Amino acid sequence: LDDLEWLIYQLREHNSNVCILINSIIPRPVDFAETNPKIANINQGIKALTKRFPGVGYNPCYRIFLKKNPFWYDEALYDTRDKFRLHLSHSGLRRMKKDLLNQIAFWRKGEICK
Protein backbone atom coordinates (compact mmCIF):
# COMPACT_ATOMS: atom_id res chain seq x y z
CA LEU A 1 0.00 0.00 0.00
CA ASP A 2 2.94 2.33 0.55
CA ASP A 3 3.88 1.96 -3.13
CA LEU A 4 0.32 2.76 -4.16
CA GLU A 5 0.33 5.88 -2.00
CA TRP A 6 3.66 6.91 -3.55
CA LEU A 7 2.17 6.40 -7.03
CA ILE A 8 -0.80 8.64 -6.20
CA TYR A 9 1.59 11.37 -5.01
CA GLN A 10 3.64 11.01 -8.20
CA LEU A 11 0.57 11.27 -10.43
CA ARG A 12 -0.65 14.31 -8.53
CA GLU A 13 2.76 15.94 -8.77
CA HIS A 14 2.53 15.80 -12.57
CA ASN A 15 -1.14 16.81 -12.73
CA SER A 16 -2.94 17.91 -9.59
CA ASN A 17 -6.34 17.81 -11.30
CA VAL A 18 -6.18 14.22 -12.53
CA CYS A 19 -8.91 11.86 -11.34
CA ILE A 20 -7.66 8.42 -10.35
CA LEU A 21 -9.70 5.22 -10.18
CA ILE A 22 -8.05 2.29 -8.43
CA ASN A 23 -9.50 -1.17 -8.97
CA SER A 24 -9.58 -3.72 -6.23
CA ILE A 25 -7.54 -6.88 -6.56
CA ILE A 26 -9.61 -9.71 -8.01
CA PRO A 27 -9.66 -13.28 -6.67
CA ARG A 28 -7.10 -15.82 -7.85
CA PRO A 29 -8.68 -19.16 -8.74
CA VAL A 30 -5.37 -21.02 -8.49
CA ASP A 31 -5.21 -20.56 -4.71
CA PHE A 32 -8.54 -18.93 -3.85
CA ALA A 33 -9.04 -20.54 -0.44
CA GLU A 34 -5.58 -19.50 0.69
CA THR A 35 -5.40 -15.98 -0.75
CA ASN A 36 -9.01 -14.77 -0.51
CA PRO A 37 -8.69 -13.45 3.09
CA LYS A 38 -5.40 -11.72 2.25
CA ILE A 39 -6.87 -10.14 -0.90
CA ALA A 40 -9.92 -8.95 1.05
CA ASN A 41 -7.62 -7.34 3.63
CA ILE A 42 -5.53 -5.60 0.96
CA ASN A 43 -8.68 -4.35 -0.77
CA GLN A 44 -9.88 -2.82 2.50
CA GLY A 45 -6.51 -1.07 2.76
CA ILE A 46 -6.81 0.24 -0.81
CA LYS A 47 -10.32 1.50 -0.10
CA ALA A 48 -9.16 3.31 3.05
CA LEU A 49 -6.19 4.81 1.18
CA THR A 50 -8.37 6.22 -1.60
CA LYS A 51 -10.61 7.97 0.94
CA ARG A 52 -7.62 10.04 2.07
CA PHE A 53 -7.20 11.71 -1.34
CA PRO A 54 -9.73 13.95 -3.07
CA GLY A 55 -10.32 12.89 -6.66
CA VAL A 56 -9.18 9.32 -6.00
CA GLY A 57 -11.81 6.61 -6.05
CA TYR A 58 -11.97 2.93 -5.30
CA ASN A 59 -13.65 0.50 -7.68
CA PRO A 60 -14.61 -2.67 -5.79
CA CYS A 61 -14.58 -4.82 -8.93
CA TYR A 62 -13.61 -7.79 -6.74
CA ARG A 63 -17.27 -8.39 -5.97
CA ILE A 64 -18.23 -8.94 -9.63
CA PHE A 65 -15.93 -11.95 -9.83
CA LEU A 66 -17.60 -13.74 -6.94
CA LYS A 67 -20.72 -15.83 -7.03
CA LYS A 68 -23.51 -14.97 -4.60
CA ASN A 69 -21.50 -16.74 -1.93
CA PRO A 70 -18.69 -14.27 -1.13
CA PHE A 71 -16.32 -17.14 -0.47
CA TRP A 72 -16.34 -18.62 -3.98
CA TYR A 73 -15.27 -17.12 -7.32
CA ASP A 74 -17.14 -17.40 -10.62
CA GLU A 75 -15.05 -19.78 -12.75
CA ALA A 76 -16.80 -18.72 -15.97
CA LEU A 77 -15.06 -15.33 -15.79
CA TYR A 78 -11.58 -16.83 -16.07
CA ASP A 79 -9.85 -18.12 -19.22
CA THR A 80 -9.84 -21.93 -19.32
CA ARG A 81 -6.80 -21.94 -21.65
CA ASP A 82 -4.74 -20.69 -18.71
CA LYS A 83 -4.22 -23.67 -16.39
CA PHE A 84 -3.94 -21.37 -13.37
CA ARG A 85 -6.88 -19.22 -14.50
CA LEU A 86 -5.11 -16.00 -13.65
CA HIS A 87 -6.39 -14.33 -16.84
CA LEU A 88 -9.93 -13.26 -17.55
CA SER A 89 -12.13 -14.88 -20.19
CA HIS A 90 -14.00 -12.82 -22.78
CA SER A 91 -17.03 -12.75 -20.49
CA GLY A 92 -14.81 -11.71 -17.59
CA LEU A 93 -13.38 -8.86 -19.65
CA ARG A 94 -16.88 -7.77 -20.68
CA ARG A 95 -18.00 -7.77 -17.06
CA MET A 96 -14.93 -5.77 -16.02
CA LYS A 97 -15.56 -3.27 -18.84
CA LYS A 98 -19.21 -2.84 -17.83
CA ASP A 99 -18.21 -2.26 -14.22
CA LEU A 100 -15.56 0.30 -15.19
CA LEU A 101 -18.01 2.18 -17.42
CA ASN A 102 -20.50 2.30 -14.55
CA GLN A 103 -17.83 3.72 -12.24
CA ILE A 104 -16.83 6.34 -14.81
CA ALA A 105 -20.49 7.35 -15.23
CA PHE A 106 -20.73 7.70 -11.44
CA TRP A 107 -17.66 9.93 -11.44
CA ARG A 108 -19.06 12.09 -14.21
CA LYS A 109 -22.00 12.89 -11.98
CA GLY A 110 -19.49 14.70 -9.79
CA GLU A 111 -19.35 12.22 -6.97
CA ILE A 112 -15.57 11.84 -7.07
CA CYS A 113 -14.08 14.32 -9.51
CA LYS A 114 -15.42 17.83 -9.38
C-alpha atoms as a PDB file:
ATOM      1  CA  LEU A   1       0.000   0.000   0.000  1.00  0.00           C
ATOM      2  CA  ASP A   2       2.941   2.330   0.546  1.00  0.00           C
ATOM      3  CA  ASP A   3       3.883   1.957  -3.133  1.00  0.00           C
ATOM      4  CA  LEU A   4       0.319   2.756  -4.157  1.00  0.00           C
ATOM      5  CA  GLU A   5       0.331   5.875  -1.997  1.00  0.00           C
ATOM      6  CA  TRP A   6       3.656   6.913  -3.554  1.00  0.00           C
ATOM      7  CA  LEU A   7       2.169   6.396  -7.027  1.00  0.00           C
ATOM      8  CA  ILE A   8      -0.804   8.638  -6.197  1.00  0.00           C
ATOM      9  CA  TYR A   9       1.586  11.365  -5.012  1.00  0.00           C
ATOM     10  CA  GLN A  10       3.637  11.015  -8.202  1.00  0.00           C
ATOM     11  CA  LEU A  11       0.569  11.271 -10.434  1.00  0.00           C
ATOM     12  CA  ARG A  12      -0.647  14.309  -8.526  1.00  0.00           C
ATOM     13  CA  GLU A  13       2.765  15.941  -8.774  1.00  0.00           C
ATOM     14  CA  HIS A  14       2.530  15.803 -12.575  1.00  0.00           C
ATOM     15  CA  ASN A  15      -1.141  16.811 -12.726  1.00  0.00           C
ATOM     16  CA  SER A  16      -2.944  17.910  -9.586  1.00  0.00           C
ATOM     17  CA  ASN A  17      -6.341  17.810 -11.304  1.00  0.00           C
ATOM     18  CA  VAL A  18      -6.184  14.223 -12.526  1.00  0.00           C
ATOM     19  CA  CYS A  19      -8.907  11.856 -11.343  1.00  0.00           C
ATOM     20  CA  ILE A  20      -7.662   8.424 -10.349  1.00  0.00           C
ATOM     21  CA  LEU A  21      -9.700   5.225 -10.178  1.00  0.00           C
ATOM     22  CA  ILE A  22      -8.050   2.288  -8.425  1.00  0.00           C
ATOM     23  CA  ASN A  23      -9.498  -1.173  -8.974  1.00  0.00           C
ATOM     24  CA  SER A  24      -9.584  -3.725  -6.228  1.00  0.00           C
ATOM     25  CA  ILE A  25      -7.540  -6.882  -6.558  1.00  0.00           C
ATOM     26  CA  ILE A  26      -9.610  -9.708  -8.010  1.00  0.00           C
ATOM     27  CA  PRO A  27      -9.662 -13.278  -6.670  1.00  0.00           C
ATOM     28  CA  ARG A  28      -7.099 -15.821  -7.845  1.00  0.00           C
ATOM     29  CA  PRO A  29      -8.681 -19.160  -8.738  1.00  0.00           C
ATOM     30  CA  VAL A  30      -5.368 -21.023  -8.489  1.00  0.00           C
ATOM     31  CA  ASP A  31      -5.208 -20.558  -4.710  1.00  0.00           C
ATOM     32  CA  PHE A  32      -8.538 -18.934  -3.850  1.00  0.00           C
ATOM     33  CA  ALA A  33      -9.036 -20.540  -0.444  1.00  0.00           C
ATOM     34  CA  GLU A  34      -5.575 -19.496   0.693  1.00  0.00           C
ATOM     35  CA  THR A  35      -5.404 -15.975  -0.748  1.00  0.00           C
ATOM     36  CA  ASN A  36      -9.010 -14.768  -0.505  1.00  0.00           C
ATOM     37  CA  PRO A  37      -8.688 -13.448   3.088  1.00  0.00           C
ATOM     38  CA  LYS A  38      -5.398 -11.717   2.246  1.00  0.00           C
ATOM     39  CA  ILE A  39      -6.873 -10.140  -0.904  1.00  0.00           C
ATOM     40  CA  ALA A  40      -9.924  -8.950   1.046  1.00  0.00           C
ATOM     41  CA  ASN A  41      -7.621  -7.335   3.630  1.00  0.00           C
ATOM     42  CA  ILE A  42      -5.530  -5.595   0.964  1.00  0.00           C
ATOM     43  CA  ASN A  43      -8.682  -4.348  -0.767  1.00  0.00           C
ATOM     44  CA  GLN A  44      -9.876  -2.819   2.502  1.00  0.00           C
ATOM     45  CA  GLY A  45      -6.507  -1.065   2.759  1.00  0.00           C
ATOM     46  CA  ILE A  46      -6.807   0.243  -0.807  1.00  0.00           C
ATOM     47  CA  LYS A  47     -10.324   1.498  -0.099  1.00  0.00           C
ATOM     48  CA  ALA A  48      -9.165   3.314   3.045  1.00  0.00           C
ATOM     49  CA  LEU A  49      -6.194   4.811   1.178  1.00  0.00           C
ATOM     50  CA  THR A  50      -8.367   6.219  -1.604  1.00  0.00           C
ATOM     51  CA  LYS A  51     -10.606   7.973   0.936  1.00  0.00           C
ATOM     52  CA  ARG A  52      -7.616  10.044   2.065  1.00  0.00           C
ATOM     53  CA  PHE A  53      -7.196  11.711  -1.336  1.00  0.00           C
ATOM     54  CA  PRO A  54      -9.726  13.946  -3.072  1.00  0.00           C
ATOM     55  CA  GLY A  55     -10.322  12.886  -6.660  1.00  0.00           C
ATOM     56  CA  VAL A  56      -9.180   9.316  -6.001  1.00  0.00           C
ATOM     57  CA  GLY A  57     -11.813   6.609  -6.055  1.00  0.00           C
ATOM     58  CA  TYR A  58     -11.966   2.930  -5.296  1.00  0.00           C
ATOM     59  CA  ASN A  59     -13.653   0.500  -7.683  1.00  0.00           C
ATOM     60  CA  PRO A  60     -14.614  -2.672  -5.788  1.00  0.00           C
ATOM     61  CA  CYS A  61     -14.577  -4.824  -8.931  1.00  0.00           C
ATOM     62  CA  TYR A  62     -13.607  -7.793  -6.740  1.00  0.00           C
ATOM     63  CA  ARG A  63     -17.268  -8.393  -5.972  1.00  0.00           C
ATOM     64  CA  ILE A  64     -18.234  -8.939  -9.630  1.00  0.00           C
ATOM     65  CA  PHE A  65     -15.929 -11.947  -9.827  1.00  0.00           C
ATOM     66  CA  LEU A  66     -17.600 -13.740  -6.937  1.00  0.00           C
ATOM     67  CA  LYS A  67     -20.721 -15.829  -7.026  1.00  0.00           C
ATOM     68  CA  LYS A  68     -23.507 -14.965  -4.596  1.00  0.00           C
ATOM     69  CA  ASN A  69     -21.503 -16.741  -1.932  1.00  0.00           C
ATOM     70  CA  PRO A  70     -18.693 -14.266  -1.132  1.00  0.00           C
ATOM     71  CA  PHE A  71     -16.322 -17.139  -0.474  1.00  0.00           C
ATOM     72  CA  TRP A  72     -16.337 -18.617  -3.976  1.00  0.00           C
ATOM     73  CA  TYR A  73     -15.270 -17.119  -7.321  1.00  0.00           C
ATOM     74  CA  ASP A  74     -17.144 -17.402 -10.618  1.00  0.00           C
ATOM     75  CA  GLU A  75     -15.053 -19.780 -12.754  1.00  0.00           C
ATOM     76  CA  ALA A  76     -16.798 -18.720 -15.974  1.00  0.00           C
ATOM     77  CA  LEU A  77     -15.065 -15.333 -15.789  1.00  0.00           C
ATOM     78  CA  TYR A  78     -11.580 -16.831 -16.074  1.00  0.00           C
ATOM     79  CA  ASP A  79      -9.855 -18.125 -19.216  1.00  0.00           C
ATOM     80  CA  THR A  80      -9.836 -21.929 -19.323  1.00  0.00           C
ATOM     81  CA  ARG A  81      -6.801 -21.935 -21.652  1.00  0.00           C
ATOM     82  CA  ASP A  82      -4.739 -20.692 -18.711  1.00  0.00           C
ATOM     83  CA  LYS A  83      -4.224 -23.672 -16.389  1.00  0.00           C
ATOM     84  CA  PHE A  84      -3.939 -21.375 -13.366  1.00  0.00           C
ATOM     85  CA  ARG A  85      -6.880 -19.223 -14.497  1.00  0.00           C
ATOM     86  CA  LEU A  86      -5.114 -15.998 -13.649  1.00  0.00           C
ATOM     87  CA  HIS A  87      -6.389 -14.328 -16.839  1.00  0.00           C
ATOM     88  CA  LEU A  88      -9.931 -13.260 -17.546  1.00  0.00           C
ATOM     89  CA  SER A  89     -12.128 -14.879 -20.191  1.00  0.00           C
ATOM     90  CA  HIS A  90     -14.003 -12.822 -22.782  1.00  0.00           C
ATOM     91  CA  SER A  91     -17.033 -12.752 -20.490  1.00  0.00           C
ATOM     92  CA  GLY A  92     -14.809 -11.708 -17.587  1.00  0.00           C
ATOM     93  CA  LEU A  93     -13.382  -8.857 -19.647  1.00  0.00           C
ATOM     94  CA  ARG A  94     -16.879  -7.767 -20.679  1.00  0.00           C
ATOM     95  CA  ARG A  95     -18.000  -7.774 -17.060  1.00  0.00           C
ATOM     96  CA  MET A  96     -14.929  -5.770 -16.019  1.00  0.00           C
ATOM     97  CA  LYS A  97     -15.559  -3.265 -18.844  1.00  0.00           C
ATOM     98  CA  LYS A  98     -19.208  -2.838 -17.830  1.00  0.00           C
ATOM     99  CA  ASP A  99     -18.212  -2.264 -14.222  1.00  0.00           C
ATOM    100  CA  LEU A 100     -15.557   0.300 -15.194  1.00  0.00           C
ATOM    101  CA  LEU A 101     -18.009   2.180 -17.421  1.00  0.00           C
ATOM    102  CA  ASN A 102     -20.502   2.295 -14.545  1.00  0.00           C
ATOM    103  CA  GLN A 103     -17.834   3.722 -12.241  1.00  0.00           C
ATOM    104  CA  ILE A 104     -16.832   6.340 -14.814  1.00  0.00           C
ATOM    105  CA  ALA A 105     -20.490   7.353 -15.226  1.00  0.00           C
ATOM    106  CA  PHE A 106     -20.732   7.697 -11.442  1.00  0.00           C
ATOM    107  CA  TRP A 107     -17.661   9.932 -11.443  1.00  0.00           C
ATOM    108  CA  ARG A 108     -19.059  12.093 -14.212  1.00  0.00           C
ATOM    109  CA  LYS A 109     -22.002  12.887 -11.978  1.00  0.00           C
ATOM    110  CA  GLY A 110     -19.493  14.698  -9.787  1.00  0.00           C
ATOM    111  CA  GLU A 111     -19.349  12.219  -6.968  1.00  0.00           C
ATOM    112  CA  ILE A 112     -15.567  11.837  -7.072  1.00  0.00           C
ATOM    113  CA  CYS A 113     -14.076  14.324  -9.510  1.00  0.00           C
ATOM    114  CA  LYS A 114     -15.424  17.835  -9.376  1.00  0.00           C
END
